[in-house]
Each structure stands twice: as C-alpha cells, then as structure tokens.
Amino acid sequence: MTDCNPAHTPMEEKLRLSRESKAEEVDSTHYRRIVGSLRYLVHTRLDLAFTVGYVSGFMERPTMEHLQAVKRILRYVGGTLDYGLHYKRAPSTARFIGYCNNGLAGDVDTSKKHQRENVLPR
C-alpha cells in the first residue's frame, strides 16, 4: 500500500460491520498483524482510537469487508504521517483536557450501544 491514495478520514461515515458478514473470509493472521500494529500506533495517534477499536472486534473471523475497513485506516495513516502527540516540558503543572463521545455507533450484532463509565482518580 506504499503508493495508495490517501484517505481524508480513517473510516467511512456510518460504516456498519458485522461479525456475521457473508463476505469472503481473509487470512486471520494477516488481519491480526495489521490491526495489532495499528493498536500500537494508537498510543501516539488518538485520532485512530475509535476506528482501530472498532475493527479489533472482528479478529476472530475477518472478512473482505473488515479488511477493506483496515486498509482505509492504513490509507488515512499514509496521508497523515505528520500527525501525532508531542509533549513539551512545562514550567508549571501540565493540564490535559479531553473529550469523549461514547455513543458514536451501536453494535450491529447485539443492537446495543457501547457504554463505559469514566472514573477519575481523586
């Protein structure tokens, strides 16, 4: 995928994948290697966190549809190689502000929304 066209977003809008896909199955070892590498990349590329987490749910029996979604992420990464987190030393205390939207997509197989409780240390 060295000379592929870059994608402007890591995932198609309103993409809905299912574990029960009827598409042709692909080599699960190859799929897991790619997704594993992307999971490692998420540590410095938070813009990939949701999408990589989403495709990680299909590692048991990946199909061509799942692989196409992973290839889209790779195309996005190829077009945004200069993105990442950079931490600078601050003379005073550092402040991190983050925002999260847990209701981005429902699970196609169970028709349930993903829910997570955020607990901050005291």
PDB file of N, CA and C in Angstrom:
ATOM      1  N   MET A   1       0.819  -1.197   0.000  1.00  0.00           N
ATOM      2  CA  MET A   1       0.000   0.000   0.000  1.00  0.00           C
ATOM      3  C   MET A   1       0.863   1.263   0.000  1.00  0.00           C
ATOM      4  N   THR A   2       2.092   1.135  -0.432  1.00  0.00           N
ATOM      5  CA  THR A   2       3.022   2.255  -0.433  1.00  0.00           C
ATOM      6  C   THR A   2       2.542   3.413  -1.293  1.00  0.00           C
ATOM      7  N   ASP A   3       2.038   3.136  -2.470  1.00  0.00           N
ATOM      8  CA  ASP A   3       1.633   4.188  -3.399  1.00  0.00           C
ATOM      9  C   ASP A   3       0.120   4.387  -3.466  1.00  0.00           C
ATOM     10  N   CYS A   4      -0.586   4.046  -2.397  1.00  0.00           N
ATOM     11  CA  CYS A   4      -2.046   4.164  -2.415  1.00  0.00           C
ATOM     12  C   CYS A   4      -2.475   5.622  -2.264  1.00  0.00           C
ATOM     13  N   ASN A   5      -3.699   5.899  -2.662  1.00  0.00           N
ATOM     14  CA  ASN A   5      -4.265   7.236  -2.493  1.00  0.00           C
ATOM     15  C   ASN A   5      -4.631   7.437  -1.028  1.00  0.00           C
ATOM     16  N   PRO A   6      -4.246   8.560  -0.427  1.00  0.00           N
ATOM     17  CA  PRO A   6      -4.572   8.780   0.988  1.00  0.00           C
ATOM     18  C   PRO A   6      -6.066   9.021   1.185  1.00  0.00           C
ATOM     19  N   ALA A   7      -6.560   8.638   2.347  1.00  0.00           N
ATOM     20  CA  ALA A   7      -7.954   8.882   2.724  1.00  0.00           C
ATOM     21  C   ALA A   7      -7.986  10.083   3.662  1.00  0.00           C
ATOM     22  N   HIS A   8      -9.069  10.842   3.620  1.00  0.00           N
ATOM     23  CA  HIS A   8      -9.190  12.034   4.455  1.00  0.00           C
ATOM     24  C   HIS A   8      -9.730  11.726   5.839  1.00  0.00           C
ATOM     25  N   THR A   9     -10.369  10.565   6.002  1.00  0.00           N
ATOM     26  CA  THR A   9     -10.884  10.130   7.300  1.00  0.00           C
ATOM     27  C   THR A   9     -10.507   8.674   7.508  1.00  0.00           C
ATOM     28  N   PRO A  10     -10.360   8.216   8.751  1.00  0.00           N
ATOM     29  CA  PRO A  10      -9.957   6.828   8.982  1.00  0.00           C
ATOM     30  C   PRO A  10     -11.061   5.806   8.719  1.00  0.00           C
ATOM     31  N   MET A  11     -12.324   6.263   8.640  1.00  0.00           N
ATOM     32  CA  MET A  11     -13.424   5.328   8.442  1.00  0.00           C
ATOM     33  C   MET A  11     -14.522   6.015   7.649  1.00  0.00           C
ATOM     34  N   GLU A  12     -15.216   5.237   6.840  1.00  0.00           N
ATOM     35  CA  GLU A  12     -16.360   5.784   6.112  1.00  0.00           C
ATOM     36  C   GLU A  12     -17.432   6.219   7.101  1.00  0.00           C
ATOM     37  N   GLU A  13     -18.143   7.268   6.757  1.00  0.00           N
ATOM     38  CA  GLU A  13     -19.214   7.741   7.617  1.00  0.00           C
ATOM     39  C   GLU A  13     -20.314   6.680   7.701  1.00  0.00           C
ATOM     40  N   LYS A  14     -20.773   6.426   8.898  1.00  0.00           N
ATOM     41  CA  LYS A  14     -21.856   5.472   9.181  1.00  0.00           C
ATOM     42  C   LYS A  14     -21.527   4.049   8.730  1.00  0.00           C
ATOM     43  N   LEU A  15     -20.263   3.652   8.793  1.00  0.00           N
ATOM     44  CA  LEU A  15     -19.864   2.286   8.439  1.00  0.00           C
ATOM     45  C   LEU A  15     -20.413   1.322   9.477  1.00  0.00           C
ATOM     46  N   ARG A  16     -21.061   0.264   9.024  1.00  0.00           N
ATOM     47  CA  ARG A  16     -21.642  -0.735   9.920  1.00  0.00           C
ATOM     48  C   ARG A  16     -21.125  -2.103   9.489  1.00  0.00           C
ATOM     49  N   LEU A  17     -20.248  -2.674  10.286  1.00  0.00           N
ATOM     50  CA  LEU A  17     -19.715  -4.002  10.021  1.00  0.00           C
ATOM     51  C   LEU A  17     -20.350  -4.999  10.977  1.00  0.00           C
ATOM     52  N   SER A  18     -20.381  -6.266  10.571  1.00  0.00           N
ATOM     53  CA  SER A  18     -20.986  -7.303  11.395  1.00  0.00           C
ATOM     54  C   SER A  18     -20.067  -8.516  11.482  1.00  0.00           C
ATOM     55  N   ARG A  19     -20.120  -9.203  12.611  1.00  0.00           N
ATOM     56  CA  ARG A  19     -19.372 -10.457  12.754  1.00  0.00           C
ATOM     57  C   ARG A  19     -19.992 -11.561  11.885  1.00  0.00           C
ATOM     58  N   GLU A  20     -21.225 -11.379  11.501  1.00  0.00           N
ATOM     59  CA  GLU A  20     -21.947 -12.365  10.701  1.00  0.00           C
ATOM     60  C   GLU A  20     -21.904 -12.040   9.214  1.00  0.00           C
ATOM     61  N   SER A  21     -20.878 -11.347   8.768  1.00  0.00           N
ATOM     62  CA  SER A  21     -20.747 -10.947   7.380  1.00  0.00           C
ATOM     63  C   SER A  21     -20.688 -12.169   6.466  1.00  0.00           C
ATOM     64  N   LYS A  22     -21.333 -12.066   5.315  1.00  0.00           N
ATOM     65  CA  LYS A  22     -21.350 -13.157   4.333  1.00  0.00           C
ATOM     66  C   LYS A  22     -20.237 -13.005   3.303  1.00  0.00           C
ATOM     67  N   ALA A  23     -19.402 -11.993   3.451  1.00  0.00           N
ATOM     68  CA  ALA A  23     -18.303 -11.762   2.512  1.00  0.00           C
ATOM     69  C   ALA A  23     -17.238 -12.851   2.659  1.00  0.00           C
ATOM     70  N   GLU A  24     -16.367 -12.918   1.673  1.00  0.00           N
ATOM     71  CA  GLU A  24     -15.292 -13.907   1.666  1.00  0.00           C
ATOM     72  C   GLU A  24     -14.352 -13.691   2.854  1.00  0.00           C
ATOM     73  N   GLU A  25     -13.989 -14.781   3.533  1.00  0.00           N
ATOM     74  CA  GLU A  25     -13.065 -14.696   4.662  1.00  0.00           C
ATOM     75  C   GLU A  25     -11.645 -14.440   4.166  1.00  0.00           C
ATOM     76  N   VAL A  26     -10.848 -13.760   5.003  1.00  0.00           N
ATOM     77  CA  VAL A  26      -9.457 -13.467   4.681  1.00  0.00           C
ATOM     78  C   VAL A  26      -8.564 -14.133   5.716  1.00  0.00           C
ATOM     79  N   ASP A  27      -7.254 -14.128   5.459  1.00  0.00           N
ATOM     80  CA  ASP A  27      -6.286 -14.729   6.372  1.00  0.00           C
ATOM     81  C   ASP A  27      -6.322 -13.993   7.709  1.00  0.00           C
ATOM     82  N   SER A  28      -6.747 -14.677   8.775  1.00  0.00           N
ATOM     83  CA  SER A  28      -6.902 -14.019  10.069  1.00  0.00           C
ATOM     84  C   SER A  28      -5.558 -13.612  10.674  1.00  0.00           C
ATOM     85  N   THR A  29      -4.499 -14.351  10.393  1.00  0.00           N
ATOM     86  CA  THR A  29      -3.175 -13.983  10.914  1.00  0.00           C
ATOM     87  C   THR A  29      -2.715 -12.665  10.324  1.00  0.00           C
ATOM     88  N   HIS A  30      -2.888 -12.486   9.039  1.00  0.00           N
ATOM     89  CA  HIS A  30      -2.524 -11.235   8.364  1.00  0.00           C
ATOM     90  C   HIS A  30      -3.344 -10.075   8.925  1.00  0.00           C
ATOM     91  N   TYR A  31      -4.637 -10.283   9.074  1.00  0.00           N
ATOM     92  CA  TYR A  31      -5.535  -9.258   9.614  1.00  0.00           C
ATOM     93  C   TYR A  31      -5.112  -8.864  11.025  1.00  0.00           C
ATOM     94  N   ARG A  32      -4.818  -9.856  11.864  1.00  0.00           N
ATOM     95  CA  ARG A  32      -4.424  -9.586  13.252  1.00  0.00           C
ATOM     96  C   ARG A  32      -3.109  -8.822  13.328  1.00  0.00           C
ATOM     97  N   ARG A  33      -2.181  -9.127  12.449  1.00  0.00           N
ATOM     98  CA  ARG A  33      -0.904  -8.406  12.443  1.00  0.00           C
ATOM     99  C   ARG A  33      -1.108  -6.921  12.127  1.00  0.00           C
ATOM    100  N   ILE A  34      -1.920  -6.653  11.127  1.00  0.00           N
ATOM    101  CA  ILE A  34      -2.168  -5.256  10.754  1.00  0.00           C
ATOM    102  C   ILE A  34      -2.869  -4.517  11.891  1.00  0.00           C
ATOM    103  N   VAL A  35      -3.934  -5.118  12.427  1.00  0.00           N
ATOM    104  CA  VAL A  35      -4.691  -4.466  13.498  1.00  0.00           C
ATOM    105  C   VAL A  35      -3.819  -4.307  14.747  1.00  0.00           C
ATOM    106  N   GLY A  36      -2.980  -5.288  15.045  1.00  0.00           N
ATOM    107  CA  GLY A  36      -2.070  -5.182  16.180  1.00  0.00           C
ATOM    108  C   GLY A  36      -1.103  -4.022  16.028  1.00  0.00           C
ATOM    109  N   SER A  37      -0.598  -3.833  14.831  1.00  0.00           N
ATOM    110  CA  SER A  37       0.296  -2.698  14.562  1.00  0.00           C
ATOM    111  C   SER A  37      -0.448  -1.374  14.713  1.00  0.00           C
ATOM    112  N   LEU A  38      -1.686  -1.342  14.256  1.00  0.00           N
ATOM    113  CA  LEU A  38      -2.486  -0.121  14.398  1.00  0.00           C
ATOM    114  C   LEU A  38      -2.798   0.160  15.865  1.00  0.00           C
ATOM    115  N   ARG A  39      -3.024  -0.887  16.652  1.00  0.00           N
ATOM    116  CA  ARG A  39      -3.285  -0.692  18.086  1.00  0.00           C
ATOM    117  C   ARG A  39      -2.067  -0.083  18.770  1.00  0.00           C
ATOM    118  N   TYR A  40      -0.898  -0.475  18.353  1.00  0.00           N
ATOM    119  CA  TYR A  40       0.333   0.106  18.896  1.00  0.00           C
ATOM    120  C   TYR A  40       0.428   1.589  18.505  1.00  0.00           C
ATOM    121  N   LEU A  41       0.053   1.899  17.292  1.00  0.00           N
ATOM    122  CA  LEU A  41       0.123   3.264  16.791  1.00  0.00           C
ATOM    123  C   LEU A  41      -0.850   4.198  17.513  1.00  0.00           C
ATOM    124  N   VAL A  42      -1.937   3.657  18.040  1.00  0.00           N
ATOM    125  CA  VAL A  42      -2.952   4.460  18.725  1.00  0.00           C
ATOM    126  C   VAL A  42      -2.367   5.210  19.923  1.00  0.00           C
ATOM    127  N   HIS A  43      -1.273   4.727  20.502  1.00  0.00           N
ATOM    128  CA  HIS A  43      -0.676   5.394  21.661  1.00  0.00           C
ATOM    129  C   HIS A  43      -0.240   6.824  21.346  1.00  0.00           C
ATOM    130  N   THR A  44       0.112   7.089  20.123  1.00  0.00           N
ATOM    131  CA  THR A  44       0.502   8.450  19.743  1.00  0.00           C
ATOM    132  C   THR A  44      -0.453   9.066  18.724  1.00  0.00           C
ATOM    133  N   ARG A  45      -1.420   8.307  18.257  1.00  0.00           N
ATOM    134  CA  ARG A  45      -2.381   8.800  17.267  1.00  0.00           C
ATOM    135  C   ARG A  45      -3.796   8.565  17.788  1.00  0.00           C
ATOM    136  N   LEU A  46      -4.238   9.424  18.680  1.00  0.00           N
ATOM    137  CA  LEU A  46      -5.557   9.254  19.282  1.00  0.00           C
ATOM    138  C   LEU A  46      -6.693   9.409  18.283  1.00  0.00           C
ATOM    139  N   ASP A  47      -6.426  10.007  17.137  1.00  0.00           N
ATOM    140  CA  ASP A  47      -7.455  10.138  16.107  1.00  0.00           C
ATOM    141  C   ASP A  47      -7.838   8.779  15.517  1.00  0.00           C
ATOM    142  N   LEU A  48      -7.023   7.768  15.784  1.00  0.00           N
ATOM    143  CA  LEU A  48      -7.290   6.418  15.289  1.00  0.00           C
ATOM    144  C   LEU A  48      -7.981   5.528  16.315  1.00  0.00           C
ATOM    145  N   ALA A  49      -8.093   5.975  17.552  1.00  0.00           N
ATOM    146  CA  ALA A  49      -8.544   5.120  18.652  1.00  0.00           C
ATOM    147  C   ALA A  49      -9.898   4.461  18.395  1.00  0.00           C
ATOM    148  N   PHE A  50     -10.898   5.225  18.023  1.00  0.00           N
ATOM    149  CA  PHE A  50     -12.223   4.645  17.831  1.00  0.00           C
ATOM    150  C   PHE A  50     -12.223   3.636  16.681  1.00  0.00           C
ATOM    151  N   THR A  51     -11.663   4.032  15.560  1.00  0.00           N
ATOM    152  CA  THR A  51     -11.699   3.192  14.367  1.00  0.00           C
ATOM    153  C   THR A  51     -10.933   1.892  14.574  1.00  0.00           C
ATOM    154  N   VAL A  52      -9.761   1.969  15.166  1.00  0.00           N
ATOM    155  CA  VAL A  52      -8.961   0.759  15.404  1.00  0.00           C
ATOM    156  C   VAL A  52      -9.663  -0.137  16.421  1.00  0.00           C
ATOM    157  N   GLY A  53     -10.265   0.456  17.437  1.00  0.00           N
ATOM    158  CA  GLY A  53     -11.042  -0.335  18.388  1.00  0.00           C
ATOM    159  C   GLY A  53     -12.205  -1.041  17.724  1.00  0.00           C
ATOM    160  N   TYR A  54     -12.820  -0.373  16.780  1.00  0.00           N
ATOM    161  CA  TYR A  54     -13.966  -0.946  16.061  1.00  0.00           C
ATOM    162  C   TYR A  54     -13.556  -2.163  15.228  1.00  0.00           C
ATOM    163  N   VAL A  55     -12.485  -2.036  14.444  1.00  0.00           N
ATOM    164  CA  VAL A  55     -12.070  -3.165  13.598  1.00  0.00           C
ATOM    165  C   VAL A  55     -11.419  -4.277  14.414  1.00  0.00           C
ATOM    166  N   SER A  56     -11.004  -3.980  15.647  1.00  0.00           N
ATOM    167  CA  SER A  56     -10.418  -5.015  16.507  1.00  0.00           C
ATOM    168  C   SER A  56     -11.449  -6.063  16.914  1.00  0.00           C
ATOM    169  N   GLY A  57     -12.694  -5.708  16.861  1.00  0.00           N
ATOM    170  CA  GLY A  57     -13.744  -6.636  17.250  1.00  0.00           C
ATOM    171  C   GLY A  57     -14.015  -7.746  16.249  1.00  0.00           C
ATOM    172  N   PHE A  58     -13.311  -7.751  15.127  1.00  0.00           N
ATOM    173  CA  PHE A  58     -13.580  -8.728  14.073  1.00  0.00           C
ATOM    174  C   PHE A  58     -12.380  -9.648  13.825  1.00  0.00           C
ATOM    175  N   MET A  59     -11.508  -9.787  14.798  1.00  0.00           N
ATOM    176  CA  MET A  59     -10.286 -10.572  14.590  1.00  0.00           C
ATOM    177  C   MET A  59     -10.527 -12.078  14.587  1.00  0.00           C
ATOM    178  N   GLU A  60     -11.635 -12.529  15.115  1.00  0.00           N
ATOM    179  CA  GLU A  60     -11.897 -13.970  15.157  1.00  0.00           C
ATOM    180  C   GLU A  60     -12.129 -14.549  13.763  1.00  0.00           C
ATOM    181  N   ARG A  61     -12.972 -13.880  12.978  1.00  0.00           N
ATOM    182  CA  ARG A  61     -13.280 -14.352  11.625  1.00  0.00           C
ATOM    183  C   ARG A  61     -13.394 -13.159  10.687  1.00  0.00           C
ATOM    184  N   PRO A  62     -12.246 -12.564  10.323  1.00  0.00           N
ATOM    185  CA  PRO A  62     -12.301 -11.380   9.463  1.00  0.00           C
ATOM    186  C   PRO A  62     -12.691 -11.726   8.030  1.00  0.00           C
ATOM    187  N   THR A  63     -13.428 -10.818   7.421  1.00  0.00           N
ATOM    188  CA  THR A  63     -13.841 -10.997   6.030  1.00  0.00           C
ATOM    189  C   THR A  63     -13.252  -9.873   5.183  1.00  0.00           C
ATOM    190  N   MET A  64     -13.533  -9.920   3.909  1.00  0.00           N
ATOM    191  CA  MET A  64     -13.037  -8.901   2.990  1.00  0.00           C
ATOM    192  C   MET A  64     -13.557  -7.514   3.369  1.00  0.00           C
ATOM    193  N   GLU A  65     -14.792  -7.413   3.871  1.00  0.00           N
ATOM    194  CA  GLU A  65     -15.339  -6.131   4.309  1.00  0.00           C
ATOM    195  C   GLU A  65     -14.509  -5.550   5.453  1.00  0.00           C
ATOM    196  N   HIS A  66     -14.136  -6.399   6.401  1.00  0.00           N
ATOM    197  CA  HIS A  66     -13.329  -5.958   7.538  1.00  0.00           C
ATOM    198  C   HIS A  66     -11.945  -5.520   7.074  1.00  0.00           C
ATOM    199  N   LEU A  67     -11.362  -6.269   6.149  1.00  0.00           N
ATOM    200  CA  LEU A  67     -10.038  -5.932   5.633  1.00  0.00           C
ATOM    201  C   LEU A  67     -10.076  -4.608   4.866  1.00  0.00           C
ATOM    202  N   GLN A  68     -11.153  -4.362   4.142  1.00  0.00           N
ATOM    203  CA  GLN A  68     -11.282  -3.084   3.417  1.00  0.00           C
ATOM    204  C   GLN A  68     -11.308  -1.916   4.407  1.00  0.00           C
ATOM    205  N   ALA A  69     -11.982  -2.098   5.547  1.00  0.00           N
ATOM    206  CA  ALA A  69     -12.023  -1.048   6.568  1.00  0.00           C
ATOM    207  C   ALA A  69     -10.624  -0.804   7.137  1.00  0.00           C
ATOM    208  N   VAL A  70      -9.855  -1.874   7.343  1.00  0.00           N
ATOM    209  CA  VAL A  70      -8.488  -1.746   7.852  1.00  0.00           C
ATOM    210  C   VAL A  70      -7.598  -1.054   6.818  1.00  0.00           C
ATOM    211  N   LYS A  71      -7.782  -1.386   5.559  1.00  0.00           N
ATOM    212  CA  LYS A  71      -6.990  -0.738   4.503  1.00  0.00           C
ATOM    213  C   LYS A  71      -7.307   0.750   4.422  1.00  0.00           C
ATOM    214  N   ARG A  72      -8.538   1.117   4.684  1.00  0.00           N
ATOM    215  CA  ARG A  72      -8.890   2.544   4.701  1.00  0.00           C
ATOM    216  C   ARG A  72      -8.129   3.258   5.810  1.00  0.00           C
ATOM    217  N   ILE A  73      -8.005   2.609   6.975  1.00  0.00           N
ATOM    218  CA  ILE A  73      -7.234   3.202   8.073  1.00  0.00           C
ATOM    219  C   ILE A  73      -5.786   3.384   7.646  1.00  0.00           C
ATOM    220  N   LEU A  74      -5.217   2.381   6.972  1.00  0.00           N
ATOM    221  CA  LEU A  74      -3.831   2.484   6.506  1.00  0.00           C
ATOM    222  C   LEU A  74      -3.669   3.611   5.494  1.00  0.00           C
ATOM    223  N   ARG A  75      -4.656   3.794   4.632  1.00  0.00           N
ATOM    224  CA  ARG A  75      -4.603   4.901   3.674  1.00  0.00           C
ATOM    225  C   ARG A  75      -4.649   6.247   4.393  1.00  0.00           C
ATOM    226  N   TYR A  76      -5.450   6.316   5.453  1.00  0.00           N
ATOM    227  CA  TYR A  76      -5.526   7.540   6.252  1.00  0.00           C
ATOM    228  C   TYR A  76      -4.181   7.811   6.933  1.00  0.00           C
ATOM    229  N   VAL A  77      -3.592   6.784   7.523  1.00  0.00           N
ATOM    230  CA  VAL A  77      -2.293   6.934   8.186  1.00  0.00           C
ATOM    231  C   VAL A  77      -1.242   7.381   7.172  1.00  0.00           C
ATOM    232  N   GLY A  78      -1.259   6.807   5.980  1.00  0.00           N
ATOM    233  CA  GLY A  78      -0.307   7.188   4.945  1.00  0.00           C
ATOM    234  C   GLY A  78      -0.414   8.653   4.555  1.00  0.00           C
ATOM    235  N   GLY A  79      -1.609   9.204   4.624  1.00  0.00           N
ATOM    236  CA  GLY A  79      -1.803  10.598   4.263  1.00  0.00           C
ATOM    237  C   GLY A  79      -1.620  11.572   5.414  1.00  0.00           C
ATOM    238  N   THR A  80      -1.443  11.043   6.623  1.00  0.00           N
ATOM    239  CA  THR A  80      -1.311  11.905   7.808  1.00  0.00           C
ATOM    240  C   THR A  80      -0.094  11.508   8.641  1.00  0.00           C
ATOM    241  N   LEU A  81       1.007  11.214   7.991  1.00  0.00           N
ATOM    242  CA  LEU A  81       2.204  10.760   8.703  1.00  0.00           C
ATOM    243  C   LEU A  81       2.768  11.806   9.659  1.00  0.00           C
ATOM    244  N   ASP A  82       2.456  13.067   9.439  1.00  0.00           N
ATOM    245  CA  ASP A  82       2.986  14.106  10.308  1.00  0.00           C
ATOM    246  C   ASP A  82       2.092  14.371  11.521  1.00  0.00           C
ATOM    247  N   TYR A  83       1.003  13.623  11.697  1.00  0.00           N
ATOM    248  CA  TYR A  83       0.132  13.776  12.859  1.00  0.00           C
ATOM    249  C   TYR A  83       0.725  13.010  14.038  1.00  0.00           C
ATOM    250  N   GLY A  84       0.422  13.435  15.253  1.00  0.00           N
ATOM    251  CA  GLY A  84       0.859  12.713  16.443  1.00  0.00           C
ATOM    252  C   GLY A  84       0.787  13.605  17.662  1.00  0.00           C
ATOM    253  N   LEU A  85       1.114  13.038  18.811  1.00  0.00           N
ATOM    254  CA  LEU A  85       1.143  13.788  20.053  1.00  0.00           C
ATOM    255  C   LEU A  85       2.568  14.205  20.358  1.00  0.00           C
ATOM    256  N   HIS A  86       2.720  15.423  20.782  1.00  0.00           N
ATOM    257  CA  HIS A  86       4.029  15.934  21.181  1.00  0.00           C
ATOM    258  C   HIS A  86       3.881  16.571  22.549  1.00  0.00           C
ATOM    259  N   TYR A  87       4.596  16.056  23.530  1.00  0.00           N
ATOM    260  CA  TYR A  87       4.535  16.585  24.883  1.00  0.00           C
ATOM    261  C   TYR A  87       5.736  17.487  25.121  1.00  0.00           C
ATOM    262  N   LYS A  88       5.469  18.715  25.524  1.00  0.00           N
ATOM    263  CA  LYS A  88       6.543  19.661  25.814  1.00  0.00           C
ATOM    264  C   LYS A  88       6.661  19.839  27.319  1.00  0.00           C
ATOM    265  N   ARG A  89       7.864  20.095  27.765  1.00  0.00           N
ATOM    266  CA  ARG A  89       8.092  20.327  29.183  1.00  0.00           C
ATOM    267  C   ARG A  89       7.485  21.679  29.553  1.00  0.00           C
ATOM    268  N   ALA A  90       6.685  21.680  30.598  1.00  0.00           N
ATOM    269  CA  ALA A  90       6.041  22.911  31.050  1.00  0.00           C
ATOM    270  C   ALA A  90       6.676  23.352  32.370  1.00  0.00           C
ATOM    271  N   PRO A  91       6.892  24.660  32.542  1.00  0.00           N
ATOM    272  CA  PRO A  91       7.497  25.127  33.785  1.00  0.00           C
ATOM    273  C   PRO A  91       6.588  24.945  34.998  1.00  0.00           C
ATOM    274  N   SER A  92       5.296  24.931  34.790  1.00  0.00           N
ATOM    275  CA  SER A  92       4.357  24.713  35.892  1.00  0.00           C
ATOM    276  C   SER A  92       3.628  23.394  35.660  1.00  0.00           C
ATOM    277  N   THR A  93       2.531  23.207  36.317  1.00  0.00           N
ATOM    278  CA  THR A  93       1.795  21.952  36.189  1.00  0.00           C
ATOM    279  C   THR A  93       1.147  21.838  34.813  1.00  0.00           C
ATOM    280  N   ALA A  94       1.124  20.630  34.303  1.00  0.00           N
ATOM    281  CA  ALA A  94       0.517  20.373  32.990  1.00  0.00           C
ATOM    282  C   ALA A  94      -0.976  20.143  33.153  1.00  0.00           C
ATOM    283  N   ARG A  95      -1.732  20.577  32.169  1.00  0.00           N
ATOM    284  CA  ARG A  95      -3.177  20.361  32.146  1.00  0.00           C
ATOM    285  C   ARG A  95      -3.535  19.592  30.898  1.00  0.00           C
ATOM    286  N   PHE A  96      -4.247  18.497  31.064  1.00  0.00           N
ATOM    287  CA  PHE A  96      -4.752  17.731  29.937  1.00  0.00           C
ATOM    288  C   PHE A  96      -6.264  17.830  29.955  1.00  0.00           C
ATOM    289  N   ILE A  97      -6.815  18.204  28.843  1.00  0.00           N
ATOM    290  CA  ILE A  97      -8.265  18.286  28.712  1.00  0.00           C
ATOM    291  C   ILE A  97      -8.662  17.356  27.582  1.00  0.00           C
ATOM    292  N   GLY A  98      -9.607  16.460  27.861  1.00  0.00           N
ATOM    293  CA  GLY A  98     -10.040  15.520  26.838  1.00  0.00           C
ATOM    294  C   GLY A  98     -11.550  15.447  26.766  1.00  0.00           C
ATOM    295  N   TYR A  99     -12.042  15.095  25.603  1.00  0.00           N
ATOM    296  CA  TYR A  99     -13.472  14.965  25.374  1.00  0.00           C
ATOM    297  C   TYR A  99     -13.740  13.597  24.770  1.00  0.00           C
ATOM    298  N   CYS A 100     -14.877  13.030  25.104  1.00  0.00           N
ATOM    299  CA  CYS A 100     -15.196  11.693  24.617  1.00  0.00           C
ATOM    300  C   CYS A 100     -16.685  11.607  24.306  1.00  0.00           C
ATOM    301  N   ASN A 101     -17.014  10.932  23.219  1.00  0.00           N
ATOM    302  CA  ASN A 101     -18.399  10.672  22.858  1.00  0.00           C
ATOM    303  C   ASN A 101     -18.542   9.161  22.738  1.00  0.00           C
ATOM    304  N   ASN A 102     -19.061   8.526  23.780  1.00  0.00           N
ATOM    305  CA  ASN A 102     -19.158   7.070  23.809  1.00  0.00           C
ATOM    306  C   ASN A 102     -20.267   6.526  22.923  1.00  0.00           C
ATOM    307  N   GLY A 103     -21.158   7.337  22.432  1.00  0.00           N
ATOM    308  CA  GLY A 103     -22.286   6.842  21.660  1.00  0.00           C
ATOM    309  C   GLY A 103     -22.110   7.007  20.165  1.00  0.00           C
ATOM    310  N   LEU A 104     -20.900   6.823  19.641  1.00  0.00           N
ATOM    311  CA  LEU A 104     -20.671   7.047  18.213  1.00  0.00           C
ATOM    312  C   LEU A 104     -21.348   6.002  17.337  1.00  0.00           C
ATOM    313  N   ALA A 105     -21.444   4.769  17.805  1.00  0.00           N
ATOM    314  CA  ALA A 105     -22.058   3.736  16.972  1.00  0.00           C
ATOM    315  C   ALA A 105     -22.584   2.616  17.845  1.00  0.00           C
ATOM    316  N   GLY A 106     -23.634   1.983  17.401  1.00  0.00           N
ATOM    317  CA  GLY A 106     -24.162   0.823  18.096  1.00  0.00           C
ATOM    318  C   GLY A 106     -23.568  -0.442  17.525  1.00  0.00           C
ATOM    319  N   ASP A 107     -23.670  -1.518  18.269  1.00  0.00           N
ATOM    320  CA  ASP A 107     -23.166  -2.809  17.828  1.00  0.00           C
ATOM    321  C   ASP A 107     -24.197  -3.446  16.902  1.00  0.00           C
ATOM    322  N   VAL A 108     -23.824  -3.730  15.670  1.00  0.00           N
ATOM    323  CA  VAL A 108     -24.748  -4.286  14.680  1.00  0.00           C
ATOM    324  C   VAL A 108     -25.270  -5.651  15.121  1.00  0.00           C
ATOM    325  N   ASP A 109     -24.413  -6.453  15.771  1.00  0.00           N
ATOM    326  CA  ASP A 109     -24.785  -7.818  16.126  1.00  0.00           C
ATOM    327  C   ASP A 109     -25.716  -7.888  17.339  1.00  0.00           C
ATOM    328  N   THR A 110     -25.553  -6.996  18.303  1.00  0.00           N
ATOM    329  CA  THR A 110     -26.378  -7.064  19.503  1.00  0.00           C
ATOM    330  C   THR A 110     -27.378  -5.918  19.603  1.00  0.00           C
ATOM    331  N   SER A 111     -27.296  -4.966  18.702  1.00  0.00           N
ATOM    332  CA  SER A 111     -28.171  -3.783  18.683  1.00  0.00           C
ATOM    333  C   SER A 111     -28.110  -2.992  19.981  1.00  0.00           C
ATOM    334  N   LYS A 112     -26.957  -3.030  20.639  1.00  0.00           N
ATOM    335  CA  LYS A 112     -26.769  -2.283  21.875  1.00  0.00           C
ATOM    336  C   LYS A 112     -25.731  -1.204  21.667  1.00  0.00           C
ATOM    337  N   LYS A 113     -25.912  -0.133  22.379  1.00  0.00           N
ATOM    338  CA  LYS A 113     -24.908   0.937  22.373  1.00  0.00           C
ATOM    339  C   LYS A 113     -23.774   0.516  23.304  1.00  0.00           C
ATOM    340  N   HIS A 114     -22.554   0.927  22.960  1.00  0.00           N
ATOM    341  CA  HIS A 114     -21.408   0.689  23.826  1.00  0.00           C
ATOM    342  C   HIS A 114     -21.441   1.707  24.949  1.00  0.00           C
ATOM    343  N   GLN A 115     -21.341   1.237  26.182  1.00  0.00           N
ATOM    344  CA  GLN A 115     -21.358   2.143  27.314  1.00  0.00           C
ATOM    345  C   GLN A 115     -20.116   1.914  28.160  1.00  0.00           C
ATOM    346  N   ARG A 116     -19.586   3.001  28.687  1.00  0.00           N
ATOM    347  CA  ARG A 116     -18.403   2.896  29.533  1.00  0.00           C
ATOM    348  C   ARG A 116     -18.504   3.982  30.581  1.00  0.00           C
ATOM    349  N   GLU A 117     -18.203   3.609  31.814  1.00  0.00           N
ATOM    350  CA  GLU A 117     -18.225   4.590  32.900  1.00  0.00           C
ATOM    351  C   GLU A 117     -16.809   5.107  33.094  1.00  0.00           C
ATOM    352  N   ASN A 118     -16.664   6.405  33.091  1.00  0.00           N
ATOM    353  CA  ASN A 118     -15.360   7.020  33.299  1.00  0.00           C
ATOM    354  C   ASN A 118     -15.222   7.425  34.764  1.00  0.00           C
ATOM    355  N   VAL A 119     -14.206   6.890  35.416  1.00  0.00           N
ATOM    356  CA  VAL A 119     -13.939   7.208  36.806  1.00  0.00           C
ATOM    357  C   VAL A 119     -12.582   7.882  36.885  1.00  0.00           C
ATOM    358  N   LEU A 120     -12.533   9.067  37.454  1.00  0.00           N
ATOM    359  CA  LEU A 120     -11.292   9.811  37.590  1.00  0.00           C
ATOM    360  C   LEU A 120     -10.716   9.586  38.977  1.00  0.00           C
ATOM    361  N   PRO A 121      -9.381   9.424  39.096  1.00  0.00           N
ATOM    362  CA  PRO A 121      -8.781   9.256  40.414  1.00  0.00           C
ATOM    363  C   PRO A 121      -8.891  10.536  41.233  1.00  0.00           C
ATOM    364  N   ARG A 122      -8.969  10.381  42.533  1.00  0.00           N
ATOM    365  CA  ARG A 122      -9.067  11.557  43.424  1.00  0.00           C
ATOM    366  C   ARG A 122      -7.736  11.937  43.969  1.00  0.00           C
TER     367      ARG A 122
END
